[in-house]
Amino acid sequence: NDAVDVDLKVGVGQSGVAQAAGMGAKHALEACREDGTAVEFADRP
């Protein structure tokens, strides 16, 4: 945001394989959209 004035949000997932972690990240990103948060973990605060 400071460097190029682009505002981001991020969802994060963690698992034993990439696809499961990626799906967790997608669901966490939906939580960002719904709650207006900047960072969401699939299973963390």
All heavy atoms as atom14 arrays in JSON, in Angstrom:
{
  "sequence": "NDAVDVDLKVGVGQSGVAQAAGMGAKHALEACREDGTAVEFADRP",
  "atom14_mask": [
    [1, 1, 1, 1, 1, 1, 1, 1, 0, 0, 0, 0, 0, 0],
    [1, 1, 1, 1, 1, 1, 1, 1, 0, 0, 0, 0, 0, 0],
    [1, 1, 1, 1, 1, 0, 0, 0, 0, 0, 0, 0, 0, 0],
    [1, 1, 1, 1, 1, 1, 1, 0, 0, 0, 0, 0, 0, 0],
    [1, 1, 1, 1, 1, 1, 1, 1, 0, 0, 0, 0, 0, 0],
    [1, 1, 1, 1, 1, 1, 1, 0, 0, 0, 0, 0, 0, 0],
    [1, 1, 1, 1, 1, 1, 1, 1, 0, 0, 0, 0, 0, 0],
    [1, 1, 1, 1, 1, 1, 1, 1, 0, 0, 0, 0, 0, 0],
    [1, 1, 1, 1, 1, 1, 1, 1, 1, 0, 0, 0, 0, 0],
    [1, 1, 1, 1, 1, 1, 1, 0, 0, 0, 0, 0, 0, 0],
    [1, 1, 1, 1, 0, 0, 0, 0, 0, 0, 0, 0, 0, 0],
    [1, 1, 1, 1, 1, 1, 1, 0, 0, 0, 0, 0, 0, 0],
    [1, 1, 1, 1, 0, 0, 0, 0, 0, 0, 0, 0, 0, 0],
    [1, 1, 1, 1, 1, 1, 1, 1, 1, 0, 0, 0, 0, 0],
    [1, 1, 1, 1, 1, 1, 0, 0, 0, 0, 0, 0, 0, 0],
    [1, 1, 1, 1, 0, 0, 0, 0, 0, 0, 0, 0, 0, 0],
    [1, 1, 1, 1, 1, 1, 1, 0, 0, 0, 0, 0, 0, 0],
    [1, 1, 1, 1, 1, 0, 0, 0, 0, 0, 0, 0, 0, 0],
    [1, 1, 1, 1, 1, 1, 1, 1, 1, 0, 0, 0, 0, 0],
    [1, 1, 1, 1, 1, 0, 0, 0, 0, 0, 0, 0, 0, 0],
    [1, 1, 1, 1, 1, 0, 0, 0, 0, 0, 0, 0, 0, 0],
    [1, 1, 1, 1, 0, 0, 0, 0, 0, 0, 0, 0, 0, 0],
    [1, 1, 1, 1, 1, 1, 1, 1, 0, 0, 0, 0, 0, 0],
    [1, 1, 1, 1, 0, 0, 0, 0, 0, 0, 0, 0, 0, 0],
    [1, 1, 1, 1, 1, 0, 0, 0, 0, 0, 0, 0, 0, 0],
    [1, 1, 1, 1, 1, 1, 1, 1, 1, 0, 0, 0, 0, 0],
    [1, 1, 1, 1, 1, 1, 1, 1, 1, 1, 0, 0, 0, 0],
    [1, 1, 1, 1, 1, 0, 0, 0, 0, 0, 0, 0, 0, 0],
    [1, 1, 1, 1, 1, 1, 1, 1, 0, 0, 0, 0, 0, 0],
    [1, 1, 1, 1, 1, 1, 1, 1, 1, 0, 0, 0, 0, 0],
    [1, 1, 1, 1, 1, 0, 0, 0, 0, 0, 0, 0, 0, 0],
    [1, 1, 1, 1, 1, 1, 0, 0, 0, 0, 0, 0, 0, 0],
    [1, 1, 1, 1, 1, 1, 1, 1, 1, 1, 1, 0, 0, 0],
    [1, 1, 1, 1, 1, 1, 1, 1, 1, 0, 0, 0, 0, 0],
    [1, 1, 1, 1, 1, 1, 1, 1, 0, 0, 0, 0, 0, 0],
    [1, 1, 1, 1, 0, 0, 0, 0, 0, 0, 0, 0, 0, 0],
    [1, 1, 1, 1, 1, 1, 1, 0, 0, 0, 0, 0, 0, 0],
    [1, 1, 1, 1, 1, 0, 0, 0, 0, 0, 0, 0, 0, 0],
    [1, 1, 1, 1, 1, 1, 1, 0, 0, 0, 0, 0, 0, 0],
    [1, 1, 1, 1, 1, 1, 1, 1, 1, 0, 0, 0, 0, 0],
    [1, 1, 1, 1, 1, 1, 1, 1, 1, 1, 1, 0, 0, 0],
    [1, 1, 1, 1, 1, 0, 0, 0, 0, 0, 0, 0, 0, 0],
    [1, 1, 1, 1, 1, 1, 1, 1, 0, 0, 0, 0, 0, 0],
    [1, 1, 1, 1, 1, 1, 1, 1, 1, 1, 1, 0, 0, 0],
    [1, 1, 1, 1, 1, 1, 1, 0, 0, 0, 0, 0, 0, 0]
  ],
  "atom14_positions": [
    [[0.83, -1.21, 0.0], [0.0, 0.0, 0.0], [0.86, 1.25, 0.0], [0.61, 2.2, -0.76], [-0.93, -0.02, 1.22], [-2.08, 0.95, 1.08], [-1.87, 2.11, 0.77], [-3.29, 0.48, 1.33], [0.0, 0.0, 0.0], [0.0, 0.0, 0.0], [0.0, 0.0, 0.0], [0.0, 0.0, 0.0], [0.0, 0.0, 0.0], [0.0, 0.0, 0.0]],
    [[1.9, 1.27, 0.82], [2.79, 2.43, 0.9], [3.6, 2.6, -0.38], [3.84, 3.73, -0.83], [3.75, 2.28, 2.09], [3.04, 2.39, 3.43], [1.9, 2.9, 3.47], [3.62, 1.95, 4.44], [0.0, 0.0, 0.0], [0.0, 0.0, 0.0], [0.0, 0.0, 0.0], [0.0, 0.0, 0.0], [0.0, 0.0, 0.0], [0.0, 0.0, 0.0]],
    [[4.03, 1.5, -0.98], [4.94, 1.57, -2.13], [4.23, 1.91, -3.43], [4.73, 2.72, -4.22], [5.7, 0.25, -2.27], [0.0, 0.0, 0.0], [0.0, 0.0, 0.0], [0.0, 0.0, 0.0], [0.0, 0.0, 0.0], [0.0, 0.0, 0.0], [0.0, 0.0, 0.0], [0.0, 0.0, 0.0], [0.0, 0.0, 0.0], [0.0, 0.0, 0.0]],
    [[3.06, 1.31, -3.68], [2.42, 1.48, -4.99], [0.93, 1.81, -4.88], [0.22, 1.83, -5.89], [2.6, 0.21, -5.87], [4.07, 0.03, -6.22], [2.04, -1.03, -5.2], [0.0, 0.0, 0.0], [0.0, 0.0, 0.0], [0.0, 0.0, 0.0], [0.0, 0.0, 0.0], [0.0, 0.0, 0.0], [0.0, 0.0, 0.0], [0.0, 0.0, 0.0]],
    [[0.44, 2.07, -3.67], [-0.95, 2.48, -3.45], [-1.94, 1.45, -3.98], [-2.95, 1.79, -4.6], [-1.21, 3.85, -4.1], [-2.53, 4.47, -3.64], [-2.95, 4.17, -2.51], [-3.13, 5.24, -4.42], [0.0, 0.0, 0.0], [0.0, 0.0, 0.0], [0.0, 0.0, 0.0], [0.0, 0.0, 0.0], [0.0, 0.0, 0.0], [0.0, 0.0, 0.0]],
    [[-1.65, 0.18, -3.74], [-2.59, -0.9, -4.04], [-2.95, -1.57, -2.71], [-2.06, -1.99, -1.96], [-1.99, -1.92, -5.02], [-2.92, -3.14, -5.18], [-1.75, -1.27, -6.38], [0.0, 0.0, 0.0], [0.0, 0.0, 0.0], [0.0, 0.0, 0.0], [0.0, 0.0, 0.0], [0.0, 0.0, 0.0], [0.0, 0.0, 0.0], [0.0, 0.0, 0.0]],
    [[-4.25, -1.66, -2.44], [-4.75, -2.15, -1.15], [-5.13, -3.62, -1.27], [-5.95, -3.98, -2.12], [-5.96, -1.3, -0.74], [-6.37, -1.55, 0.7], [-5.54, -2.04, 1.49], [-7.55, -1.28, 1.02], [0.0, 0.0, 0.0], [0.0, 0.0, 0.0], [0.0, 0.0, 0.0], [0.0, 0.0, 0.0], [0.0, 0.0, 0.0], [0.0, 0.0, 0.0]],
    [[-4.56, -4.45, -0.42], [-4.75, -5.9, -0.5], [-5.41, -6.45, 0.76], [-5.37, -5.84, 1.83], [-3.4, -6.6, -0.68], [-2.56, -6.26, -1.9], [-1.16, -6.84, -1.74], [-3.22, -6.78, -3.17], [0.0, 0.0, 0.0], [0.0, 0.0, 0.0], [0.0, 0.0, 0.0], [0.0, 0.0, 0.0], [0.0, 0.0, 0.0], [0.0, 0.0, 0.0]],
    [[-5.99, -7.62, 0.6], [-6.38, -8.47, 1.72], [-5.88, -9.87, 1.43], [-5.53, -10.18, 0.28], [-7.89, -8.46, 1.93], [-8.71, -8.86, 0.72], [-10.19, -8.73, 1.01], [-11.05, -8.94, -0.24], [-10.88, -7.86, -1.23], [0.0, 0.0, 0.0], [0.0, 0.0, 0.0], [0.0, 0.0, 0.0], [0.0, 0.0, 0.0], [0.0, 0.0, 0.0]],
    [[-5.85, -10.74, 2.46], [-5.26, -12.06, 2.24], [-5.93, -13.09, 3.14], [-6.21, -12.84, 4.32], [-3.73, -12.04, 2.48], [-3.39, -11.67, 3.92], [-3.1, -13.37, 2.1], [0.0, 0.0, 0.0], [0.0, 0.0, 0.0], [0.0, 0.0, 0.0], [0.0, 0.0, 0.0], [0.0, 0.0, 0.0], [0.0, 0.0, 0.0], [0.0, 0.0, 0.0]],
    [[-6.19, -14.25, 2.56], [-6.6, -15.41, 3.31], [-5.49, -16.44, 3.31], [-4.8, -16.61, 2.3], [0.0, 0.0, 0.0], [0.0, 0.0, 0.0], [0.0, 0.0, 0.0], [0.0, 0.0, 0.0], [0.0, 0.0, 0.0], [0.0, 0.0, 0.0], [0.0, 0.0, 0.0], [0.0, 0.0, 0.0], [0.0, 0.0, 0.0], [0.0, 0.0, 0.0]],
    [[-5.31, -17.12, 4.44], [-4.18, -18.03, 4.6], [-4.68, -19.4, 5.05], [-5.51, -19.5, 5.96], [-3.17, -17.49, 5.63], [-1.93, -18.39, 5.71], [-2.78, -16.05, 5.31], [0.0, 0.0, 0.0], [0.0, 0.0, 0.0], [0.0, 0.0, 0.0], [0.0, 0.0, 0.0], [0.0, 0.0, 0.0], [0.0, 0.0, 0.0], [0.0, 0.0, 0.0]],
    [[-4.16, -20.44, 4.42], [-4.46, -21.8, 4.83], [-3.19, -22.61, 4.97], [-2.17, -22.3, 4.34], [0.0, 0.0, 0.0], [0.0, 0.0, 0.0], [0.0, 0.0, 0.0], [0.0, 0.0, 0.0], [0.0, 0.0, 0.0], [0.0, 0.0, 0.0], [0.0, 0.0, 0.0], [0.0, 0.0, 0.0], [0.0, 0.0, 0.0], [0.0, 0.0, 0.0]],
    [[-3.24, -23.64, 5.8], [-2.07, -24.48, 6.02], [-2.5, -25.93, 6.11], [-3.49, -26.26, 6.77], [-1.34, -24.05, 7.31], [0.07, -24.62, 7.43], [0.96, -23.76, 8.32], [0.69, -22.58, 8.54], [2.05, -24.34, 8.8], [0.0, 0.0, 0.0], [0.0, 0.0, 0.0], [0.0, 0.0, 0.0], [0.0, 0.0, 0.0], [0.0, 0.0, 0.0]],
    [[-1.76, -26.82, 5.4], [-2.12, -28.22, 5.37], [-0.91, -29.03, 4.92], [0.17, -28.48, 4.71], [-3.31, -28.45, 4.43], [-3.74, -29.8, 4.47], [0.0, 0.0, 0.0], [0.0, 0.0, 0.0], [0.0, 0.0, 0.0], [0.0, 0.0, 0.0], [0.0, 0.0, 0.0], [0.0, 0.0, 0.0], [0.0, 0.0, 0.0], [0.0, 0.0, 0.0]],
    [[-1.12, -30.32, 4.73], [-0.03, -31.18, 4.29], [0.21, -31.14, 2.81], [1.28, -31.55, 2.35], [0.0, 0.0, 0.0], [0.0, 0.0, 0.0], [0.0, 0.0, 0.0], [0.0, 0.0, 0.0], [0.0, 0.0, 0.0], [0.0, 0.0, 0.0], [0.0, 0.0, 0.0], [0.0, 0.0, 0.0], [0.0, 0.0, 0.0], [0.0, 0.0, 0.0]],
    [[-0.77, -30.65, 2.03], [-0.63, -30.55, 0.58], [-1.13, -29.19, 0.12], [-1.93, -28.53, 0.81], [-1.39, -31.67, -0.16], [-0.77, -33.03, 0.13], [-2.87, -31.66, 0.2], [0.0, 0.0, 0.0], [0.0, 0.0, 0.0], [0.0, 0.0, 0.0], [0.0, 0.0, 0.0], [0.0, 0.0, 0.0], [0.0, 0.0, 0.0], [0.0, 0.0, 0.0]],
    [[-0.7, -28.78, -1.06], [-0.99, -27.42, -1.53], [-2.47, -27.19, -1.76], [-3.0, -26.12, -1.42], [-0.21, -27.15, -2.82], [0.0, 0.0, 0.0], [0.0, 0.0, 0.0], [0.0, 0.0, 0.0], [0.0, 0.0, 0.0], [0.0, 0.0, 0.0], [0.0, 0.0, 0.0], [0.0, 0.0, 0.0], [0.0, 0.0, 0.0], [0.0, 0.0, 0.0]],
    [[-3.18, -28.16, -2.34], [-4.59, -27.92, -2.65], [-5.43, -27.72, -1.41], [-6.31, -26.85, -1.38], [-5.14, -29.05, -3.52], [-4.73, -28.93, -4.97], [-5.56, -29.8, -5.88], [-6.72, -30.07, -5.63], [-4.95, -30.25, -6.97], [0.0, 0.0, 0.0], [0.0, 0.0, 0.0], [0.0, 0.0, 0.0], [0.0, 0.0, 0.0], [0.0, 0.0, 0.0]],
    [[-5.2, -28.5, -0.39], [-5.96, -28.34, 0.85], [-5.63, -27.0, 1.5], [-6.53, -26.3, 1.99], [-5.66, -29.49, 1.8], [0.0, 0.0, 0.0], [0.0, 0.0, 0.0], [0.0, 0.0, 0.0], [0.0, 0.0, 0.0], [0.0, 0.0, 0.0], [0.0, 0.0, 0.0], [0.0, 0.0, 0.0], [0.0, 0.0, 0.0], [0.0, 0.0, 0.0]],
    [[-4.35, -26.63, 1.51], [-3.97, -25.33, 2.06], [-4.59, -24.21, 1.24], [-5.05, -23.2, 1.78], [-2.45, -25.2, 2.08], [0.0, 0.0, 0.0], [0.0, 0.0, 0.0], [0.0, 0.0, 0.0], [0.0, 0.0, 0.0], [0.0, 0.0, 0.0], [0.0, 0.0, 0.0], [0.0, 0.0, 0.0], [0.0, 0.0, 0.0], [0.0, 0.0, 0.0]],
    [[-4.59, -24.37, -0.09], [-5.17, -23.36, -0.96], [-6.66, -23.19, -0.76], [-7.18, -22.06, -0.79], [0.0, 0.0, 0.0], [0.0, 0.0, 0.0], [0.0, 0.0, 0.0], [0.0, 0.0, 0.0], [0.0, 0.0, 0.0], [0.0, 0.0, 0.0], [0.0, 0.0, 0.0], [0.0, 0.0, 0.0], [0.0, 0.0, 0.0], [0.0, 0.0, 0.0]],
    [[-7.4, -24.28, -0.55], [-8.83, -24.17, -0.29], [-9.09, -23.49, 1.05], [-10.02, -22.69, 1.18], [-9.48, -25.55, -0.32], [-9.64, -26.12, -1.71], [-10.53, -25.01, -2.86], [-12.11, -24.83, -2.03], [0.0, 0.0, 0.0], [0.0, 0.0, 0.0], [0.0, 0.0, 0.0], [0.0, 0.0, 0.0], [0.0, 0.0, 0.0], [0.0, 0.0, 0.0]],
    [[-8.25, -23.78, 2.03], [-8.37, -23.07, 3.3], [-8.15, -21.58, 3.11], [-8.87, -20.75, 3.68], [0.0, 0.0, 0.0], [0.0, 0.0, 0.0], [0.0, 0.0, 0.0], [0.0, 0.0, 0.0], [0.0, 0.0, 0.0], [0.0, 0.0, 0.0], [0.0, 0.0, 0.0], [0.0, 0.0, 0.0], [0.0, 0.0, 0.0], [0.0, 0.0, 0.0]],
    [[-7.17, -21.23, 2.28], [-6.89, -19.82, 2.01], [-8.07, -19.15, 1.31], [-8.42, -18.0, 1.61], [-5.63, -19.69, 1.16], [0.0, 0.0, 0.0], [0.0, 0.0, 0.0], [0.0, 0.0, 0.0], [0.0, 0.0, 0.0], [0.0, 0.0, 0.0], [0.0, 0.0, 0.0], [0.0, 0.0, 0.0], [0.0, 0.0, 0.0], [0.0, 0.0, 0.0]],
    [[-8.7, -19.85, 0.38], [-9.87, -19.29, -0.32], [-11.0, -19.02, 0.66], [-11.66, -17.97, 0.6], [-10.34, -20.25, -1.41], [-9.51, -20.23, -2.69], [-10.04, -21.24, -3.69], [-9.33, -21.11, -5.03], [-9.75, -19.91, -5.77], [0.0, 0.0, 0.0], [0.0, 0.0, 0.0], [0.0, 0.0, 0.0], [0.0, 0.0, 0.0], [0.0, 0.0, 0.0]],
    [[-11.28, -19.96, 1.55], [-12.35, -19.75, 2.54], [-12.0, -18.61, 3.49], [-12.88, -17.81, 3.87], [-12.6, -21.04, 3.31], [-13.31, -22.09, 2.51], [-14.6, -21.94, 2.03], [-12.91, -23.33, 2.09], [-14.96, -23.02, 1.36], [-13.95, -23.87, 1.38], [0.0, 0.0, 0.0], [0.0, 0.0, 0.0], [0.0, 0.0, 0.0], [0.0, 0.0, 0.0]],
    [[-10.73, -18.52, 3.87], [-10.31, -17.42, 4.74], [-10.45, -16.08, 4.03], [-10.82, -15.07, 4.64], [-8.86, -17.64, 5.19], [0.0, 0.0, 0.0], [0.0, 0.0, 0.0], [0.0, 0.0, 0.0], [0.0, 0.0, 0.0], [0.0, 0.0, 0.0], [0.0, 0.0, 0.0], [0.0, 0.0, 0.0], [0.0, 0.0, 0.0], [0.0, 0.0, 0.0]],
    [[-10.17, -16.05, 2.72], [-10.33, -14.82, 1.95], [-11.8, -14.39, 1.9], [-12.11, -13.2, 1.96], [-9.77, -15.0, 0.54], [-9.71, -13.76, -0.35], [-8.85, -12.67, 0.28], [-9.19, -14.12, -1.74], [0.0, 0.0, 0.0], [0.0, 0.0, 0.0], [0.0, 0.0, 0.0], [0.0, 0.0, 0.0], [0.0, 0.0, 0.0], [0.0, 0.0, 0.0]],
    [[-12.71, -15.36, 1.81], [-14.13, -15.03, 1.85], [-14.5, -14.41, 3.2], [-15.35, -13.51, 3.27], [-14.97, -16.28, 1.6], [-14.95, -16.76, 0.15], [-15.42, -15.67, -0.81], [-16.52, -15.11, -0.59], [-14.68, -15.37, -1.77], [0.0, 0.0, 0.0], [0.0, 0.0, 0.0], [0.0, 0.0, 0.0], [0.0, 0.0, 0.0], [0.0, 0.0, 0.0]],
    [[-13.88, -14.88, 4.27], [-14.12, -14.28, 5.58], [-13.64, -12.84, 5.61], [-14.28, -11.97, 6.22], [-13.42, -15.11, 6.67], [0.0, 0.0, 0.0], [0.0, 0.0, 0.0], [0.0, 0.0, 0.0], [0.0, 0.0, 0.0], [0.0, 0.0, 0.0], [0.0, 0.0, 0.0], [0.0, 0.0, 0.0], [0.0, 0.0, 0.0], [0.0, 0.0, 0.0]],
    [[-12.51, -12.55, 4.95], [-12.05, -11.16, 4.83], [-13.12, -10.31, 4.16], [-13.42, -9.19, 4.62], [-10.76, -11.08, 4.02], [-9.27, -11.68, 4.81], [0.0, 0.0, 0.0], [0.0, 0.0, 0.0], [0.0, 0.0, 0.0], [0.0, 0.0, 0.0], [0.0, 0.0, 0.0], [0.0, 0.0, 0.0], [0.0, 0.0, 0.0], [0.0, 0.0, 0.0]],
    [[-13.68, -10.79, 3.07], [-14.68, -10.03, 2.33], [-15.93, -9.8, 3.18], [-16.53, -8.72, 3.17], [-15.05, -10.77, 1.05], [-13.9, -10.87, 0.04], [-14.37, -11.46, -1.28], [-13.29, -11.48, -2.27], [-12.71, -12.57, -2.73], [-13.1, -13.77, -2.29], [-11.74, -12.5, -3.63], [0.0, 0.0, 0.0], [0.0, 0.0, 0.0], [0.0, 0.0, 0.0]],
    [[-16.34, -10.82, 3.91], [-17.56, -10.71, 4.7], [-17.39, -9.82, 5.92], [-18.3, -9.06, 6.29], [-18.0, -12.11, 5.14], [-18.48, -12.99, 3.99], [-18.7, -14.43, 4.43], [-18.58, -14.7, 5.65], [-18.99, -15.27, 3.56], [0.0, 0.0, 0.0], [0.0, 0.0, 0.0], [0.0, 0.0, 0.0], [0.0, 0.0, 0.0], [0.0, 0.0, 0.0]],
    [[-16.22, -9.89, 6.56], [-16.01, -9.21, 7.83], [-15.24, -7.9, 7.71], [-15.08, -7.18, 8.7], [-15.26, -10.13, 8.8], [-16.03, -11.42, 9.08], [-17.27, -11.42, 8.92], [-15.38, -12.43, 9.45], [0.0, 0.0, 0.0], [0.0, 0.0, 0.0], [0.0, 0.0, 0.0], [0.0, 0.0, 0.0], [0.0, 0.0, 0.0], [0.0, 0.0, 0.0]],
    [[-14.73, -7.6, 6.51], [-13.96, -6.37, 6.34], [-12.6, -6.42, 6.98], [-12.03, -5.38, 7.33], [0.0, 0.0, 0.0], [0.0, 0.0, 0.0], [0.0, 0.0, 0.0], [0.0, 0.0, 0.0], [0.0, 0.0, 0.0], [0.0, 0.0, 0.0], [0.0, 0.0, 0.0], [0.0, 0.0, 0.0], [0.0, 0.0, 0.0], [0.0, 0.0, 0.0]],
    [[-12.03, -7.62, 7.12], [-10.71, -7.77, 7.72], [-9.64, -7.82, 6.64], [-9.92, -8.08, 5.47], [-10.64, -9.05, 8.57], [-11.15, -10.15, 7.81], [-11.46, -8.89, 9.84], [0.0, 0.0, 0.0], [0.0, 0.0, 0.0], [0.0, 0.0, 0.0], [0.0, 0.0, 0.0], [0.0, 0.0, 0.0], [0.0, 0.0, 0.0], [0.0, 0.0, 0.0]],
    [[-8.41, -7.56, 7.03], [-7.3, -7.55, 6.09], [-6.59, -8.88, 6.0], [-6.08, -9.26, 4.94], [-6.29, -6.48, 6.48], [0.0, 0.0, 0.0], [0.0, 0.0, 0.0], [0.0, 0.0, 0.0], [0.0, 0.0, 0.0], [0.0, 0.0, 0.0], [0.0, 0.0, 0.0], [0.0, 0.0, 0.0], [0.0, 0.0, 0.0], [0.0, 0.0, 0.0]],
    [[-6.55, -9.61, 7.13], [-5.84, -10.89, 7.18], [-6.71, -11.9, 7.91], [-7.19, -11.63, 9.01], [-4.49, -10.76, 7.92], [-3.75, -12.1, 7.93], [-3.62, -9.67, 7.31], [0.0, 0.0, 0.0], [0.0, 0.0, 0.0], [0.0, 0.0, 0.0], [0.0, 0.0, 0.0], [0.0, 0.0, 0.0], [0.0, 0.0, 0.0], [0.0, 0.0, 0.0]],
    [[-6.93, -13.04, 7.3], [-7.65, -14.13, 7.95], [-6.91, -15.44, 7.74], [-6.46, -15.73, 6.62], [-9.06, -14.28, 7.37], [-10.04, -13.2, 7.76], [-10.74, -13.47, 9.08], [-10.39, -14.49, 9.72], [-11.62, -12.68, 9.45], [0.0, 0.0, 0.0], [0.0, 0.0, 0.0], [0.0, 0.0, 0.0], [0.0, 0.0, 0.0], [0.0, 0.0, 0.0]],
    [[-6.77, -16.22, 8.8], [-6.27, -17.58, 8.69], [-7.45, -18.54, 8.72], [-8.45, -18.29, 9.38], [-5.33, -17.91, 9.86], [-3.93, -17.4, 9.68], [-3.64, -16.05, 9.83], [-2.89, -18.25, 9.37], [-2.35, -15.57, 9.67], [-1.59, -17.78, 9.21], [-1.32, -16.44, 9.36], [0.0, 0.0, 0.0], [0.0, 0.0, 0.0], [0.0, 0.0, 0.0]],
    [[-7.32, -19.63, 8.03], [-8.39, -20.62, 8.0], [-8.68, -21.16, 9.4], [-9.8, -21.5, 9.71], [-8.04, -21.76, 7.05], [0.0, 0.0, 0.0], [0.0, 0.0, 0.0], [0.0, 0.0, 0.0], [0.0, 0.0, 0.0], [0.0, 0.0, 0.0], [0.0, 0.0, 0.0], [0.0, 0.0, 0.0], [0.0, 0.0, 0.0], [0.0, 0.0, 0.0]],
    [[-7.67, -21.2, 10.25], [-7.87, -21.76, 11.58], [-7.18, -20.95, 12.67], [-6.84, -21.47, 13.71], [-7.38, -23.2, 11.63], [-5.93, -23.35, 11.2], [-5.31, -22.33, 10.84], [-5.41, -24.48, 11.23], [0.0, 0.0, 0.0], [0.0, 0.0, 0.0], [0.0, 0.0, 0.0], [0.0, 0.0, 0.0], [0.0, 0.0, 0.0], [0.0, 0.0, 0.0]],
    [[-6.93, -19.67, 12.39], [-6.26, -18.82, 13.37], [-6.95, -17.47, 13.47], [-7.75, -17.12, 12.61], [-4.79, -18.59, 12.97], [-3.98, -19.88, 12.85], [-2.55, -19.57, 12.52], [-1.81, -20.78, 12.18], [-0.53, -20.82, 11.87], [0.16, -19.7, 11.84], [0.06, -21.96, 11.56], [0.0, 0.0, 0.0], [0.0, 0.0, 0.0], [0.0, 0.0, 0.0]],
    [[-6.67, -16.68, 14.51], [-7.34, -15.39, 14.67], [-7.03, -14.45, 13.52], [-5.99, -14.51, 12.89], [-6.76, -14.84, 15.98], [-6.25, -16.04, 16.69], [-5.79, -16.99, 15.64], [0.0, 0.0, 0.0], [0.0, 0.0, 0.0], [0.0, 0.0, 0.0], [0.0, 0.0, 0.0], [0.0, 0.0, 0.0], [0.0, 0.0, 0.0], [0.0, 0.0, 0.0]]
  ]
}
